[in-house]
Amino acid sequence: MPCNPRHREVPAPVRAMPPPEGLEASRRFLAEMASRRSIRHFSGAPVDPELIENAIRTAATAPSGANRQPWRFVVVTDPELKRRIREGAEEEERAFYAGPHTEWHEALAPLGTDWRKPHLTDAPVVIVVFEVHRGGDDPKPYYVKESVGIAVGLLLASLHLAGLATLTHTPSPMRFLNAILDRPAHERPFVVIPVGYPAPGATVPDIRRKPLNRVAVWLGPGASEGDVTVPSWTR
């Protein structure tokens, strides 16, 4: 009998796959996600709302501190709201790019970014993700940034698997989003995600991802020989 009368358990979902099927599913997912790139050039082609809803439902399955689920996904398709978001973001970004040169400026140089953010109005959908802190009817959350970060990862994966392109955009500061989207003060902007299909002829920066042996440390037996190989066009 549990010590806490409010604590109850149910059978865990069965997810075991025979080794060949599990390995194949793992490789398929790796190949799919290895092709994901941040897109800054969107077409105006419409997006089926169910794809967005399914992605948010997927994101909301993420683990969170004490299961408080401290996230809010605000889906913006209204052109006027997108215009105001772009104006607010460009105002903040203009100040950043005009400011003193920093290591952050240097790190961004290979990506070719500047204060102009046309993706915020070109993309048919913009999802603004908020952290939900204590306030209103929401209980006190725990590990908010960690929880919301995991949820955003699932959101991006779901959108990518649905054939959609995304970009993670974090203008700083982001509090202007609360006023534009009429969100309460205890919700704090976490990331802005334009969603849609790439524009014809869209390009991405020529960058490389770190190899497995630069990002993983394996302690104990079981590591596979060599490194993960992905097609050159995904790097």
C-alpha atoms as a PDB file:
ATOM      1  CA  MET A   1       0.000   0.000   0.000  1.00  0.00           C
ATOM      2  CA  PRO A   2       1.504   3.390  -0.970  1.00  0.00           C
ATOM      3  CA  CYS A   3       2.256   5.770   1.907  1.00  0.00           C
ATOM      4  CA  ASN A   4       0.682   8.636  -0.010  1.00  0.00           C
ATOM      5  CA  PRO A   5      -3.026   7.922  -0.618  1.00  0.00           C
ATOM      6  CA  ARG A   6      -2.971  10.192  -3.679  1.00  0.00           C
ATOM      7  CA  HIS A   7      -0.321   8.075  -5.331  1.00  0.00           C
ATOM      8  CA  ARG A   8      -1.545   5.347  -7.652  1.00  0.00           C
ATOM      9  CA  GLU A   9       0.067   3.437 -10.470  1.00  0.00           C
ATOM     10  CA  VAL A  10      -1.112   1.821 -13.688  1.00  0.00           C
ATOM     11  CA  PRO A  11       0.624  -0.754 -15.902  1.00  0.00           C
ATOM     12  CA  ALA A  12       3.490   0.666 -17.932  1.00  0.00           C
ATOM     13  CA  PRO A  13       3.005   0.796 -21.722  1.00  0.00           C
ATOM     14  CA  VAL A  14       4.686  -2.105 -23.493  1.00  0.00           C
ATOM     15  CA  ARG A  15       7.189  -0.735 -26.006  1.00  0.00           C
ATOM     16  CA  ALA A  16       9.554  -3.694 -26.448  1.00  0.00           C
ATOM     17  CA  MET A  17      10.442  -4.468 -30.064  1.00  0.00           C
ATOM     18  CA  PRO A  18      12.344  -7.510 -31.278  1.00  0.00           C
ATOM     19  CA  PRO A  19      15.961  -6.474 -31.894  1.00  0.00           C
ATOM     20  CA  PRO A  20      15.816  -6.340 -35.720  1.00  0.00           C
ATOM     21  CA  GLU A  21      12.656  -4.204 -35.800  1.00  0.00           C
ATOM     22  CA  GLY A  22      13.859  -1.900 -33.036  1.00  0.00           C
ATOM     23  CA  LEU A  23      17.207  -1.353 -34.721  1.00  0.00           C
ATOM     24  CA  GLU A  24      15.563  -0.622 -38.059  1.00  0.00           C
ATOM     25  CA  ALA A  25      13.164   1.863 -36.458  1.00  0.00           C
ATOM     26  CA  SER A  26      16.110   3.554 -34.745  1.00  0.00           C
ATOM     27  CA  ARG A  27      18.018   3.857 -38.027  1.00  0.00           C
ATOM     28  CA  ARG A  28      14.985   5.247 -39.865  1.00  0.00           C
ATOM     29  CA  PHE A  29      14.470   7.898 -37.206  1.00  0.00           C
ATOM     30  CA  LEU A  30      18.157   8.844 -37.281  1.00  0.00           C
ATOM     31  CA  ALA A  31      18.082   9.213 -41.068  1.00  0.00           C
ATOM     32  CA  GLU A  32      14.933  11.346 -40.895  1.00  0.00           C
ATOM     33  CA  MET A  33      16.269  13.659 -38.199  1.00  0.00           C
ATOM     34  CA  ALA A  34      19.707  13.907 -39.804  1.00  0.00           C
ATOM     35  CA  SER A  35      17.982  15.619 -42.736  1.00  0.00           C
ATOM     36  CA  ARG A  36      16.438  18.300 -40.507  1.00  0.00           C
ATOM     37  CA  ARG A  37      17.762  21.813 -41.098  1.00  0.00           C
ATOM     38  CA  SER A  38      16.680  25.208 -39.883  1.00  0.00           C
ATOM     39  CA  ILE A  39      14.923  26.995 -42.748  1.00  0.00           C
ATOM     40  CA  ARG A  40      14.769  30.769 -43.129  1.00  0.00           C
ATOM     41  CA  HIS A  41      13.001  30.936 -46.499  1.00  0.00           C
ATOM     42  CA  PHE A  42       9.366  29.832 -46.412  1.00  0.00           C
ATOM     43  CA  SER A  43       6.695  29.543 -49.063  1.00  0.00           C
ATOM     44  CA  GLY A  44       3.182  30.752 -48.375  1.00  0.00           C
ATOM     45  CA  ALA A  45       1.713  27.288 -48.998  1.00  0.00           C
ATOM     46  CA  PRO A  46      -0.955  26.502 -46.388  1.00  0.00           C
ATOM     47  CA  VAL A  47      -0.361  23.933 -43.658  1.00  0.00           C
ATOM     48  CA  ASP A  48      -2.988  21.410 -42.585  1.00  0.00           C
ATOM     49  CA  PRO A  49      -3.991  22.454 -39.036  1.00  0.00           C
ATOM     50  CA  GLU A  50      -4.036  18.803 -37.953  1.00  0.00           C
ATOM     51  CA  LEU A  51      -0.280  18.615 -38.513  1.00  0.00           C
ATOM     52  CA  ILE A  52       0.198  21.464 -36.054  1.00  0.00           C
ATOM     53  CA  GLU A  53      -2.269  20.018 -33.556  1.00  0.00           C
ATOM     54  CA  ASN A  54      -0.631  16.592 -33.716  1.00  0.00           C
ATOM     55  CA  ALA A  55       2.809  18.131 -33.182  1.00  0.00           C
ATOM     56  CA  ILE A  56       1.602  20.032 -30.122  1.00  0.00           C
ATOM     57  CA  ARG A  57      -0.073  16.899 -28.737  1.00  0.00           C
ATOM     58  CA  THR A  58       3.255  15.116 -29.237  1.00  0.00           C
ATOM     59  CA  ALA A  59       5.172  17.912 -27.511  1.00  0.00           C
ATOM     60  CA  ALA A  60       2.754  17.762 -24.594  1.00  0.00           C
ATOM     61  CA  THR A  61       3.746  14.119 -23.939  1.00  0.00           C
ATOM     62  CA  ALA A  62       7.182  15.323 -22.785  1.00  0.00           C
ATOM     63  CA  PRO A  63       8.319  14.528 -19.252  1.00  0.00           C
ATOM     64  CA  SER A  64       8.215  17.480 -16.873  1.00  0.00           C
ATOM     65  CA  GLY A  65       9.141  18.281 -13.290  1.00  0.00           C
ATOM     66  CA  ALA A  66       6.453  16.818 -10.979  1.00  0.00           C
ATOM     67  CA  ASN A  67       4.334  16.375 -14.119  1.00  0.00           C
ATOM     68  CA  ARG A  68       3.342  20.051 -13.973  1.00  0.00           C
ATOM     69  CA  GLN A  69       3.561  20.382 -17.792  1.00  0.00           C
ATOM     70  CA  PRO A  70       4.668  24.042 -17.670  1.00  0.00           C
ATOM     71  CA  TRP A  71       4.205  24.923 -21.330  1.00  0.00           C
ATOM     72  CA  ARG A  72       1.854  26.912 -23.515  1.00  0.00           C
ATOM     73  CA  PHE A  73       1.880  26.710 -27.316  1.00  0.00           C
ATOM     74  CA  VAL A  74       0.377  29.784 -28.984  1.00  0.00           C
ATOM     75  CA  VAL A  75      -0.346  29.150 -32.670  1.00  0.00           C
ATOM     76  CA  VAL A  76      -0.399  32.317 -34.765  1.00  0.00           C
ATOM     77  CA  THR A  77      -1.807  32.329 -38.295  1.00  0.00           C
ATOM     78  CA  ASP A  78      -3.297  35.851 -38.304  1.00  0.00           C
ATOM     79  CA  PRO A  79      -1.247  38.019 -40.734  1.00  0.00           C
ATOM     80  CA  GLU A  80      -1.578  41.137 -38.595  1.00  0.00           C
ATOM     81  CA  LEU A  81      -0.297  39.389 -35.470  1.00  0.00           C
ATOM     82  CA  LYS A  82       2.584  37.899 -37.426  1.00  0.00           C
ATOM     83  CA  ARG A  83       3.426  41.383 -38.728  1.00  0.00           C
ATOM     84  CA  ARG A  84       3.500  42.775 -35.186  1.00  0.00           C
ATOM     85  CA  ILE A  85       5.667  39.868 -33.999  1.00  0.00           C
ATOM     86  CA  ARG A  86       8.102  40.545 -36.832  1.00  0.00           C
ATOM     87  CA  GLU A  87       8.230  44.263 -36.055  1.00  0.00           C
ATOM     88  CA  GLY A  88       8.916  43.566 -32.377  1.00  0.00           C
ATOM     89  CA  ALA A  89      11.564  40.970 -33.148  1.00  0.00           C
ATOM     90  CA  GLU A  90      13.317  43.141 -35.724  1.00  0.00           C
ATOM     91  CA  GLU A  91      13.426  46.055 -33.281  1.00  0.00           C
ATOM     92  CA  GLU A  92      15.255  43.894 -30.749  1.00  0.00           C
ATOM     93  CA  GLU A  93      17.494  42.283 -33.352  1.00  0.00           C
ATOM     94  CA  ARG A  94      18.405  45.630 -34.928  1.00  0.00           C
ATOM     95  CA  ALA A  95      19.727  46.806 -31.567  1.00  0.00           C
ATOM     96  CA  PHE A  96      21.678  43.578 -31.128  1.00  0.00           C
ATOM     97  CA  TYR A  97      23.354  43.634 -34.540  1.00  0.00           C
ATOM     98  CA  ALA A  98      24.153  47.349 -34.246  1.00  0.00           C
ATOM     99  CA  GLY A  99      25.712  46.886 -30.807  1.00  0.00           C
ATOM    100  CA  PRO A 100      29.358  46.259 -29.919  1.00  0.00           C
ATOM    101  CA  HIS A 101      30.899  43.307 -31.736  1.00  0.00           C
ATOM    102  CA  THR A 102      30.937  40.236 -29.488  1.00  0.00           C
ATOM    103  CA  GLU A 103      31.860  36.555 -29.625  1.00  0.00           C
ATOM    104  CA  TRP A 104      28.159  35.890 -30.273  1.00  0.00           C
ATOM    105  CA  HIS A 105      28.292  38.105 -33.383  1.00  0.00           C
ATOM    106  CA  GLU A 106      31.353  36.152 -34.497  1.00  0.00           C
ATOM    107  CA  ALA A 107      29.619  32.805 -33.928  1.00  0.00           C
ATOM    108  CA  LEU A 108      26.630  33.911 -36.027  1.00  0.00           C
ATOM    109  CA  ALA A 109      28.734  35.140 -38.962  1.00  0.00           C
ATOM    110  CA  PRO A 110      28.901  31.752 -40.791  1.00  0.00           C
ATOM    111  CA  LEU A 111      25.099  31.552 -40.694  1.00  0.00           C
ATOM    112  CA  GLY A 112      24.616  34.810 -42.576  1.00  0.00           C
ATOM    113  CA  THR A 113      21.912  36.145 -40.258  1.00  0.00           C
ATOM    114  CA  ASP A 114      21.051  39.798 -39.637  1.00  0.00           C
ATOM    115  CA  TRP A 115      18.256  41.834 -38.035  1.00  0.00           C
ATOM    116  CA  ARG A 116      15.805  41.175 -40.867  1.00  0.00           C
ATOM    117  CA  LYS A 117      13.300  38.403 -40.009  1.00  0.00           C
ATOM    118  CA  PRO A 118      11.025  37.888 -43.044  1.00  0.00           C
ATOM    119  CA  HIS A 119      10.383  34.286 -42.004  1.00  0.00           C
ATOM    120  CA  LEU A 120       8.069  35.592 -39.281  1.00  0.00           C
ATOM    121  CA  THR A 121       5.612  36.872 -41.876  1.00  0.00           C
ATOM    122  CA  ASP A 122       6.413  34.509 -44.764  1.00  0.00           C
ATOM    123  CA  ALA A 123       5.748  31.297 -42.821  1.00  0.00           C
ATOM    124  CA  PRO A 124       2.018  30.458 -42.736  1.00  0.00           C
ATOM    125  CA  VAL A 125       2.220  29.414 -39.066  1.00  0.00           C
ATOM    126  CA  VAL A 126       4.215  30.799 -36.156  1.00  0.00           C
ATOM    127  CA  ILE A 127       4.230  28.863 -32.875  1.00  0.00           C
ATOM    128  CA  VAL A 128       5.288  30.867 -29.832  1.00  0.00           C
ATOM    129  CA  VAL A 129       6.182  28.605 -26.917  1.00  0.00           C
ATOM    130  CA  PHE A 130       5.849  29.998 -23.398  1.00  0.00           C
ATOM    131  CA  GLU A 131       7.164  28.746 -20.076  1.00  0.00           C
ATOM    132  CA  VAL A 132       4.317  28.678 -17.551  1.00  0.00           C
ATOM    133  CA  HIS A 133       5.401  29.808 -14.098  1.00  0.00           C
ATOM    134  CA  ARG A 134       3.301  30.015 -10.962  1.00  0.00           C
ATOM    135  CA  GLY A 135       0.267  32.253 -11.345  1.00  0.00           C
ATOM    136  CA  GLY A 136      -3.443  32.155 -12.034  1.00  0.00           C
ATOM    137  CA  ASP A 137      -4.772  28.619 -11.885  1.00  0.00           C
ATOM    138  CA  ASP A 138      -1.400  27.092 -12.713  1.00  0.00           C
ATOM    139  CA  PRO A 139       0.345  25.286  -9.800  1.00  0.00           C
ATOM    140  CA  LYS A 140       3.981  25.886  -8.971  1.00  0.00           C
ATOM    141  CA  PRO A 141       6.135  24.233 -11.667  1.00  0.00           C
ATOM    142  CA  TYR A 142       9.555  22.645 -11.269  1.00  0.00           C
ATOM    143  CA  TYR A 143      12.481  22.474 -13.723  1.00  0.00           C
ATOM    144  CA  VAL A 144      10.591  24.714 -16.126  1.00  0.00           C
ATOM    145  CA  LYS A 145      13.269  25.391 -18.730  1.00  0.00           C
ATOM    146  CA  GLU A 146      14.359  21.764 -18.823  1.00  0.00           C
ATOM    147  CA  SER A 147      10.770  20.580 -19.227  1.00  0.00           C
ATOM    148  CA  VAL A 148       9.883  23.107 -21.931  1.00  0.00           C
ATOM    149  CA  GLY A 149      13.135  22.409 -23.767  1.00  0.00           C
ATOM    150  CA  ILE A 150      12.336  18.703 -23.984  1.00  0.00           C
ATOM    151  CA  ALA A 151       8.810  19.505 -25.213  1.00  0.00           C
ATOM    152  CA  VAL A 152      10.175  21.799 -27.930  1.00  0.00           C
ATOM    153  CA  GLY A 153      12.512  19.036 -29.100  1.00  0.00           C
ATOM    154  CA  LEU A 154       9.552  16.703 -29.539  1.00  0.00           C
ATOM    155  CA  LEU A 155       7.604  19.474 -31.288  1.00  0.00           C
ATOM    156  CA  LEU A 156      10.388  20.040 -33.826  1.00  0.00           C
ATOM    157  CA  ALA A 157      10.775  16.305 -34.463  1.00  0.00           C
ATOM    158  CA  SER A 158       7.039  15.856 -35.037  1.00  0.00           C
ATOM    159  CA  LEU A 159       6.841  18.818 -37.426  1.00  0.00           C
ATOM    160  CA  HIS A 160       9.871  17.557 -39.349  1.00  0.00           C
ATOM    161  CA  LEU A 161       8.462  14.043 -39.686  1.00  0.00           C
ATOM    162  CA  ALA A 162       5.263  15.625 -41.053  1.00  0.00           C
ATOM    163  CA  GLY A 163       7.305  17.158 -43.880  1.00  0.00           C
ATOM    164  CA  LEU A 164       7.333  20.685 -42.460  1.00  0.00           C
ATOM    165  CA  ALA A 165      10.239  23.086 -42.123  1.00  0.00           C
ATOM    166  CA  THR A 166      10.968  25.048 -38.954  1.00  0.00           C
ATOM    167  CA  LEU A 167      13.282  27.620 -37.443  1.00  0.00           C
ATOM    168  CA  THR A 168      13.954  28.309 -33.770  1.00  0.00           C
ATOM    169  CA  HIS A 169      14.078  32.044 -33.191  1.00  0.00           C
ATOM    170  CA  THR A 170      14.839  33.727 -29.860  1.00  0.00           C
ATOM    171  CA  PRO A 171      14.850  37.516 -30.060  1.00  0.00           C
ATOM    172  CA  SER A 172      16.142  39.001 -26.824  1.00  0.00           C
ATOM    173  CA  PRO A 173      14.380  40.250 -24.817  1.00  0.00           C
ATOM    174  CA  MET A 174      11.091  38.579 -25.771  1.00  0.00           C
ATOM    175  CA  ARG A 175       8.613  40.096 -23.332  1.00  0.00           C
ATOM    176  CA  PHE A 176       7.021  42.100 -26.178  1.00  0.00           C
ATOM    177  CA  LEU A 177       5.340  38.831 -27.170  1.00  0.00           C
ATOM    178  CA  ASN A 178       3.178  38.836 -24.048  1.00  0.00           C
ATOM    179  CA  ALA A 179       1.557  42.114 -25.055  1.00  0.00           C
ATOM    180  CA  ILE A 180       1.068  41.145 -28.699  1.00  0.00           C
ATOM    181  CA  LEU A 181      -0.385  37.732 -27.887  1.00  0.00           C
ATOM    182  CA  ASP A 182      -2.264  38.809 -24.743  1.00  0.00           C
ATOM    183  CA  ARG A 183      -0.491  36.348 -22.462  1.00  0.00           C
ATOM    184  CA  PRO A 184      -0.324  36.829 -18.669  1.00  0.00           C
ATOM    185  CA  ALA A 185       2.863  37.883 -16.906  1.00  0.00           C
ATOM    186  CA  HIS A 186       3.501  34.436 -15.396  1.00  0.00           C
ATOM    187  CA  GLU A 187       3.947  33.044 -18.915  1.00  0.00           C
ATOM    188  CA  ARG A 188       7.425  33.784 -20.234  1.00  0.00           C
ATOM    189  CA  PRO A 189       8.375  33.493 -23.926  1.00  0.00           C
ATOM    190  CA  PHE A 190      10.775  30.617 -24.567  1.00  0.00           C
ATOM    191  CA  VAL A 191      11.094  30.380 -28.359  1.00  0.00           C
ATOM    192  CA  VAL A 192       9.400  31.510 -31.581  1.00  0.00           C
ATOM    193  CA  ILE A 193       9.041  28.806 -34.252  1.00  0.00           C
ATOM    194  CA  PRO A 194       8.004  29.699 -37.820  1.00  0.00           C
ATOM    195  CA  VAL A 195       6.486  26.622 -39.497  1.00  0.00           C
ATOM    196  CA  GLY A 196       5.722  25.908 -43.143  1.00  0.00           C
ATOM    197  CA  TYR A 197       7.204  24.525 -46.334  1.00  0.00           C
ATOM    198  CA  PRO A 198      10.525  25.704 -47.778  1.00  0.00           C
ATOM    199  CA  ALA A 199      10.298  28.299 -50.514  1.00  0.00           C
ATOM    200  CA  PRO A 200      11.290  27.090 -53.995  1.00  0.00           C
ATOM    201  CA  GLY A 201      15.057  27.278 -54.265  1.00  0.00           C
ATOM    202  CA  ALA A 202      15.536  27.736 -50.514  1.00  0.00           C
ATOM    203  CA  THR A 203      19.115  27.327 -49.334  1.00  0.00           C
ATOM    204  CA  VAL A 204      20.737  26.656 -45.951  1.00  0.00           C
ATOM    205  CA  PRO A 205      24.209  27.520 -44.609  1.00  0.00           C
ATOM    206  CA  ASP A 206      26.975  25.057 -45.425  1.00  0.00           C
ATOM    207  CA  ILE A 207      27.642  23.752 -41.940  1.00  0.00           C
ATOM    208  CA  ARG A 208      28.694  20.434 -40.426  1.00  0.00           C
ATOM    209  CA  ARG A 209      27.502  18.528 -37.387  1.00  0.00           C
ATOM    210  CA  LYS A 210      29.947  17.196 -34.833  1.00  0.00           C
ATOM    211  CA  PRO A 211      30.686  13.465 -35.128  1.00  0.00           C
ATOM    212  CA  LEU A 212      29.437  11.075 -32.480  1.00  0.00           C
ATOM    213  CA  ASN A 213      32.827  10.805 -30.797  1.00  0.00           C
ATOM    214  CA  ARG A 214      32.745  14.575 -30.163  1.00  0.00           C
ATOM    215  CA  VAL A 215      29.332  14.614 -28.493  1.00  0.00           C
ATOM    216  CA  ALA A 216      29.065  11.262 -26.686  1.00  0.00           C
ATOM    217  CA  VAL A 217      31.131   9.592 -23.975  1.00  0.00           C
ATOM    218  CA  TRP A 218      30.443   5.866 -23.570  1.00  0.00           C
ATOM    219  CA  LEU A 219      31.527   4.386 -20.209  1.00  0.00           C
ATOM    220  CA  GLY A 220      31.465   0.611 -20.103  1.00  0.00           C
ATOM    221  CA  PRO A 221      30.958  -2.152 -22.676  1.00  0.00           C
ATOM    222  CA  GLY A 222      28.472  -1.912 -25.502  1.00  0.00           C
ATOM    223  CA  ALA A 223      29.640   0.913 -27.785  1.00  0.00           C
ATOM    224  CA  SER A 224      29.436   0.086 -31.476  1.00  0.00           C
ATOM    225  CA  GLU A 225      32.552   0.149 -33.600  1.00  0.00           C
ATOM    226  CA  GLY A 226      33.309   3.329 -35.517  1.00  0.00           C
ATOM    227  CA  ASP A 227      31.020   6.319 -35.820  1.00  0.00           C
ATOM    228  CA  VAL A 228      27.504   6.970 -37.048  1.00  0.00           C
ATOM    229  CA  THR A 229      27.491   7.520 -40.785  1.00  0.00           C
ATOM    230  CA  VAL A 230      24.868   9.767 -42.363  1.00  0.00           C
ATOM    231  CA  PRO A 231      24.501  10.809 -46.002  1.00  0.00           C
ATOM    232  CA  SER A 232      26.782  13.704 -46.948  1.00  0.00           C
ATOM    233  CA  TRP A 233      23.826  15.845 -48.037  1.00  0.00           C
ATOM    234  CA  THR A 234      22.515  15.929 -44.455  1.00  0.00           C
ATOM    235  CA  ARG A 235      25.675  17.337 -42.921  1.00  0.00           C
END
